[in-house]
């Protein structure tokens, strides 16, 4: 099974998934939750009336509360995002809502200060950066006995960037069509996918290292392809049996509040398995053969 012979098709498939999301990011961006921006979320239901979102916004504007945004849910509740509300402002809003629309039930109220939101954002970026750097050092050290061992670390980081790009692409498309936003659960899913991606890449790379001694007479591309085939069944079966089926069940039958998190995690872990086999290892072969030197020559020959 010559998987590496189709490596450019795998690269094209990844770009086909990533590029639409990057276009959405470049044109509209992704909404950030109050976990990162700071602010308040008030979710309420009304027993006696069903007001229009504009009527609810008017209550906030009359109370001099900035940046209110109203979203309705399938269950009939209203989710109102705004600037940070202390308890006094929250009580004023609830009193006005009850007076205007009747009995009001609070389903949820969350508040995050602006400074805390900034800290969460900076520390999230730091966590991703530091974890990536440490993984690069670990892989380079583990494969120090192989020629050009640092390439394994760089290829694993490249596969991780691929998986992160997939996650942001899916989330951007989800934000465009379903109103998704980046919150603390998204960060949890992102760091989990990074860990799984690195683990899968190391499994494949470790088999390449073992075969480099026993099959040293093979050319590098054949050796890497043989190593991928040896780990293919184990990687797919382990991922499907331990994680993917469970996440799929949660996505189909779980609650609405966890659906975005579960779908992002489901796609991200699937991408992690895919990238370790069809991205990280092929990158090693492209690097070893220095194929970028012939890309434009092939185009000129074809012309």
Protein backbone atom coordinates (compact mmCIF):
# COMPACT_ATOMS: atom_id res chain seq x y z
CA UNK A 1 0.00 0.00 0.00
CA UNK A 2 1.83 3.05 -1.29
CA UNK A 3 0.41 5.83 0.87
CA UNK A 4 3.32 8.21 0.42
CA UNK A 5 2.88 8.10 -3.33
CA UNK A 6 -0.34 10.05 -2.81
CA UNK A 7 1.09 12.53 -0.32
CA UNK A 8 0.28 15.60 -2.39
CA UNK A 9 -3.36 14.51 -2.56
CA UNK A 10 -3.39 14.40 1.24
CA UNK A 11 -1.83 17.86 1.38
CA UNK A 12 -4.50 19.14 -1.03
CA UNK A 13 -7.28 17.61 1.09
CA UNK A 14 -5.98 19.41 4.16
CA UNK A 15 -5.87 22.73 2.32
CA UNK A 16 -9.40 22.14 1.07
CA UNK A 17 -10.59 21.93 4.68
CA UNK A 18 -8.39 24.69 6.12
CA UNK A 19 -8.68 27.43 3.48
CA UNK A 20 -12.47 28.09 3.75
CA UNK A 21 -12.15 28.58 7.49
CA UNK A 22 -9.12 30.86 7.09
CA UNK A 23 -11.09 32.95 4.60
CA UNK A 24 -13.90 33.30 7.14
CA UNK A 25 -11.33 34.25 9.78
CA UNK A 26 -9.77 36.87 7.53
CA UNK A 27 -13.09 38.43 6.56
CA UNK A 28 -15.19 38.17 9.71
CA UNK A 29 -13.13 36.62 12.48
CA UNK A 30 -14.43 34.47 15.34
CA UNK A 31 -16.49 35.75 18.23
CA UNK A 32 -14.78 35.51 21.60
CA UNK A 33 -16.77 34.60 24.69
CA UNK A 34 -16.67 36.56 27.90
CA UNK A 35 -13.96 34.17 29.12
CA UNK A 36 -11.54 36.13 26.91
CA UNK A 37 -13.16 39.54 26.39
CA UNK A 38 -14.72 40.05 29.82
CA UNK A 39 -18.38 40.89 30.32
CA UNK A 40 -21.58 39.24 31.49
CA UNK A 41 -24.01 36.65 30.17
CA UNK A 42 -27.57 36.59 31.46
CA UNK A 43 -29.88 33.80 30.32
CA UNK A 44 -33.55 34.24 31.22
CA UNK A 45 -36.96 32.82 30.38
CA UNK A 46 -40.33 34.53 30.59
CA UNK A 47 -43.46 32.80 31.85
CA UNK A 48 -46.13 35.24 30.69
CA UNK A 49 -44.80 36.81 27.49
CA UNK A 50 -42.43 36.26 24.58
CA UNK A 51 -40.77 39.60 23.89
CA UNK A 52 -38.86 40.53 20.79
CA UNK A 53 -35.05 40.78 21.05
CA UNK A 54 -35.33 44.52 20.35
CA UNK A 55 -37.56 44.93 23.41
CA UNK A 56 -34.99 43.21 25.62
CA UNK A 57 -32.21 45.38 24.18
CA UNK A 58 -34.24 48.47 25.05
CA UNK A 59 -34.19 47.46 28.73
CA UNK A 60 -30.38 47.36 28.68
CA UNK A 61 -30.09 50.63 26.81
CA UNK A 62 -32.39 52.37 29.27
CA UNK A 63 -30.14 51.13 32.08
CA UNK A 64 -27.08 52.63 30.28
CA UNK A 65 -25.46 49.21 29.81
CA UNK A 66 -23.10 49.10 26.83
CA UNK A 67 -22.77 46.51 24.07
CA UNK A 68 -25.87 44.37 24.70
CA UNK A 69 -26.45 41.46 22.33
CA UNK A 70 -29.48 39.17 22.45
CA UNK A 71 -29.68 35.59 21.21
CA UNK A 72 -32.67 33.24 21.44
CA UNK A 73 -32.33 29.49 21.92
CA UNK A 74 -34.33 26.47 20.82
CA UNK A 75 -35.82 26.19 24.31
CA UNK A 76 -37.22 29.73 24.20
CA UNK A 77 -34.73 31.37 26.55
CA UNK A 78 -32.93 34.65 25.90
CA UNK A 79 -29.14 34.88 26.19
CA UNK A 80 -28.03 38.47 26.70
CA UNK A 81 -24.35 39.44 26.49
CA UNK A 82 -23.17 42.83 27.64
CA UNK A 83 -20.43 44.70 29.44
CA UNK A 84 -19.50 43.56 32.93
CA UNK A 85 -22.47 43.71 35.31
CA UNK A 86 -22.12 43.86 39.06
CA UNK A 87 -24.90 42.59 41.29
CA UNK A 88 -26.60 45.99 41.50
CA UNK A 89 -26.83 46.40 37.72
CA UNK A 90 -28.02 42.80 37.36
CA UNK A 91 -30.80 43.41 39.88
CA UNK A 92 -31.87 46.56 38.03
CA UNK A 93 -32.06 44.65 34.74
CA UNK A 94 -34.02 41.75 36.25
CA UNK A 95 -36.43 44.15 37.94
CA UNK A 96 -37.04 45.98 34.65
CA UNK A 97 -37.53 42.72 32.74
CA UNK A 98 -40.03 41.43 35.31
CA UNK A 99 -41.91 44.72 35.30
CA UNK A 100 -42.09 44.80 31.51
CA UNK A 101 -42.64 41.14 30.59
CA UNK A 102 -43.90 39.45 33.74
CA UNK A 103 -42.26 36.72 35.81
CA UNK A 104 -38.62 36.27 34.81
CA UNK A 105 -36.56 33.18 35.64
CA UNK A 106 -32.76 33.35 35.63
CA UNK A 107 -31.27 30.25 34.00
CA UNK A 108 -27.67 31.43 34.09
CA UNK A 109 -25.61 34.45 35.04
CA UNK A 110 -21.85 34.58 34.43
CA UNK A 111 -19.53 37.55 34.74
CA UNK A 112 -15.84 37.90 33.96
CA UNK A 113 -13.90 41.11 34.54
CA UNK A 114 -11.94 42.64 31.62
CA UNK A 115 -8.58 42.12 33.32
CA UNK A 116 -9.31 38.43 33.92
CA UNK A 117 -10.29 38.03 30.27
CA UNK A 118 -6.97 39.53 29.16
CA UNK A 119 -5.05 37.20 31.49
CA UNK A 120 -6.88 34.15 30.14
CA UNK A 121 -6.07 35.15 26.55
CA UNK A 122 -2.36 35.77 27.19
CA UNK A 123 -1.92 32.62 29.27
CA UNK A 124 -3.73 30.51 26.68
CA UNK A 125 -1.33 31.69 23.98
CA UNK A 126 1.60 31.10 26.31
CA UNK A 127 0.40 27.56 27.11
CA UNK A 128 0.21 26.64 23.43
CA UNK A 129 3.60 28.19 22.65
CA UNK A 130 5.45 26.65 25.61
CA UNK A 131 3.95 23.20 25.06
CA UNK A 132 4.96 23.28 21.39
CA UNK A 133 8.52 24.31 22.23
CA UNK A 134 8.91 21.61 24.89
CA UNK A 135 7.59 18.95 22.53
CA UNK A 136 10.06 20.07 19.87
CA UNK A 137 12.93 19.73 22.34
CA UNK A 138 11.72 16.34 23.58
CA UNK A 139 11.39 14.83 20.11
CA UNK A 140 14.73 16.25 18.96
CA UNK A 141 16.39 14.74 22.05
CA UNK A 142 14.59 11.38 21.69
CA UNK A 143 15.63 11.04 18.05
CA UNK A 144 19.14 12.36 18.52
CA UNK A 145 20.60 9.00 17.48
CA UNK A 146 19.10 9.27 13.99
CA UNK A 147 20.52 11.39 11.22
CA UNK A 148 18.73 14.75 11.06
CA UNK A 149 16.78 13.91 14.21
CA UNK A 150 15.60 17.51 14.61
CA UNK A 151 13.46 17.06 11.49
CA UNK A 152 11.15 14.76 13.42
CA UNK A 153 10.47 17.50 15.95
CA UNK A 154 9.85 20.10 13.26
CA UNK A 155 7.54 17.72 11.36
CA UNK A 156 5.58 16.99 14.53
CA UNK A 157 5.16 20.75 15.12
CA UNK A 158 4.04 21.13 11.50
CA UNK A 159 1.41 18.42 12.01
CA UNK A 160 0.31 20.13 15.22
CA UNK A 161 -0.08 23.46 13.38
CA UNK A 162 -2.12 21.58 10.78
CA UNK A 163 -4.47 20.29 13.50
CA UNK A 164 -4.77 23.71 15.13
CA UNK A 165 -5.62 25.20 11.74
CA UNK A 166 -8.29 22.53 11.23
CA UNK A 167 -9.83 23.37 14.60
CA UNK A 168 -9.90 27.10 13.92
CA UNK A 169 -11.31 26.48 10.45
CA UNK A 170 -14.14 24.29 11.77
CA UNK A 171 -14.86 26.77 14.56
CA UNK A 172 -14.90 29.70 12.13
CA UNK A 173 -17.38 27.89 9.89
CA UNK A 174 -19.43 26.94 12.96
CA UNK A 175 -19.44 30.58 14.03
CA UNK A 176 -20.63 31.62 10.58
CA UNK A 177 -23.50 29.11 10.39
CA UNK A 178 -24.32 28.22 14.02
CA UNK A 179 -23.12 31.17 16.09
CA UNK A 180 -20.20 29.35 17.73
CA UNK A 181 -17.63 31.31 19.71
CA UNK A 182 -14.27 30.68 21.34
CA UNK A 183 -14.59 30.00 25.06
CA UNK A 184 -12.69 28.15 27.80
CA UNK A 185 -14.00 24.79 26.58
CA UNK A 186 -12.55 25.55 23.14
CA UNK A 187 -9.17 26.09 24.78
CA UNK A 188 -9.55 22.76 26.59
CA UNK A 189 -10.30 21.01 23.29
CA UNK A 190 -7.36 22.75 21.60
CA UNK A 191 -4.81 21.66 24.20
CA UNK A 192 -6.23 18.11 24.21
CA UNK A 193 -5.88 17.87 20.44
CA UNK A 194 -2.31 19.14 20.60
CA UNK A 195 -1.45 16.39 23.08
CA UNK A 196 -3.10 13.65 21.03
CA UNK A 197 -1.52 14.93 17.81
CA UNK A 198 1.94 14.77 19.31
CA UNK A 199 1.31 11.31 20.73
CA UNK A 200 0.19 9.91 17.37
CA UNK A 201 3.13 11.51 15.56
CA UNK A 202 5.60 10.06 18.06
CA UNK A 203 4.13 6.56 17.56
CA UNK A 204 4.73 6.77 13.81
CA UNK A 205 8.17 8.35 14.22
CA UNK A 206 9.21 5.73 16.73
CA UNK A 207 8.39 2.96 14.26
CA UNK A 208 10.46 4.80 11.62
CA UNK A 209 13.36 4.91 14.10
CA UNK A 210 13.10 1.16 14.80
CA UNK A 211 12.97 0.32 11.09
CA UNK A 212 15.93 2.60 10.36
CA UNK A 213 18.14 -0.01 12.01
CA UNK A 214 16.55 -3.24 10.77
CA UNK A 215 15.65 -2.02 7.27
CA UNK A 216 18.54 0.33 6.62
CA UNK A 217 19.00 -0.95 3.05
CA UNK A 218 15.65 0.41 1.96
CA UNK A 219 15.48 3.90 0.54
CA UNK A 220 14.01 6.45 2.93
CA UNK A 221 10.62 6.85 1.26
CA UNK A 222 10.00 3.09 1.20
CA UNK A 223 11.09 2.76 4.81
CA UNK A 224 8.73 5.54 5.97
CA UNK A 225 5.85 4.12 3.95
CA UNK A 226 6.44 0.67 5.45
CA UNK A 227 6.45 2.19 8.95
CA UNK A 228 3.17 4.01 8.29
CA UNK A 229 1.49 0.82 7.08
CA UNK A 230 2.67 -1.01 10.21
CA UNK A 231 1.14 1.60 12.54
CA UNK A 232 -1.94 2.41 10.44
CA UNK A 233 -4.32 -0.19 11.86
CA UNK A 234 -3.20 0.42 15.44
CA UNK A 235 -3.60 4.20 15.17
CA UNK A 236 -7.04 4.10 13.56
CA UNK A 237 -8.45 1.34 15.77
CA UNK A 238 -7.17 2.90 18.98
CA UNK A 239 -8.59 6.30 18.11
CA UNK A 240 -11.97 4.98 16.98
CA UNK A 241 -12.52 2.52 19.80
CA UNK A 242 -11.35 4.70 22.68
CA UNK A 243 -12.44 8.22 21.76
CA UNK A 244 -14.25 8.86 18.50
CA UNK A 245 -17.32 6.65 19.03
CA UNK A 246 -17.86 8.12 22.49
CA UNK A 247 -17.55 11.70 21.23
CA UNK A 248 -19.87 10.95 18.31
CA UNK A 249 -22.52 9.67 20.72
CA UNK A 250 -22.14 12.81 22.85
CA UNK A 251 -22.43 15.03 19.78
CA UNK A 252 -25.62 13.30 18.63
CA UNK A 253 -27.38 12.75 21.94
CA UNK A 254 -25.64 15.06 24.42
CA UNK A 255 -26.79 18.44 25.62
CA UNK A 256 -26.71 21.57 23.50
CA UNK A 257 -24.30 23.33 25.86
CA UNK A 258 -21.56 20.76 25.19
CA UNK A 259 -22.21 20.19 21.50
CA UNK A 260 -19.69 22.70 20.18
CA UNK A 261 -16.98 21.43 22.52
CA UNK A 262 -17.64 17.80 21.58
CA UNK A 263 -17.70 18.47 17.82
CA UNK A 264 -14.49 20.50 17.96
CA UNK A 265 -12.82 17.75 19.98
CA UNK A 266 -14.17 15.05 17.65
CA UNK A 267 -12.86 16.76 14.52
CA UNK A 268 -9.59 17.74 16.20
CA UNK A 269 -8.73 14.24 17.39
CA UNK A 270 -9.63 12.81 14.00
CA UNK A 271 -7.34 15.41 12.44
CA UNK A 272 -4.59 14.46 14.88
CA UNK A 273 -4.67 10.84 13.75
CA UNK A 274 -4.85 11.91 10.10
CA UNK A 275 -1.96 14.38 10.36
CA UNK A 276 0.41 11.95 12.06
CA UNK A 277 0.00 9.49 9.19
CA UNK A 278 -0.69 11.65 6.15
CA UNK A 279 1.04 14.93 7.02
CA UNK A 280 3.91 14.54 9.50
CA UNK A 281 5.52 11.47 7.92
CA UNK A 282 5.12 12.74 4.31
CA UNK A 283 6.74 16.02 5.36
CA UNK A 284 9.79 14.01 6.43
CA UNK A 285 9.98 12.43 2.98
CA UNK A 286 9.55 15.77 1.20
CA UNK A 287 12.32 17.20 3.38
CA UNK A 288 14.62 14.22 2.84
CA UNK A 289 14.16 14.31 -0.96
CA UNK A 290 14.22 18.14 -1.07
CA UNK A 291 11.31 17.94 -3.45
CA UNK A 292 10.68 21.68 -3.40
CA UNK A 293 13.65 22.03 -5.77
CA UNK A 294 11.73 20.17 -8.48
CA UNK A 295 8.23 21.66 -8.03
CA UNK A 296 8.70 24.55 -10.44
CA UNK A 297 10.84 22.50 -12.80
CA UNK A 298 7.96 20.05 -13.22
CA UNK A 299 5.60 22.93 -13.98
CA UNK A 300 7.98 24.30 -16.63
CA UNK A 301 8.40 20.85 -18.18
CA UNK A 302 4.64 20.39 -18.34
CA UNK A 303 4.23 23.80 -19.95
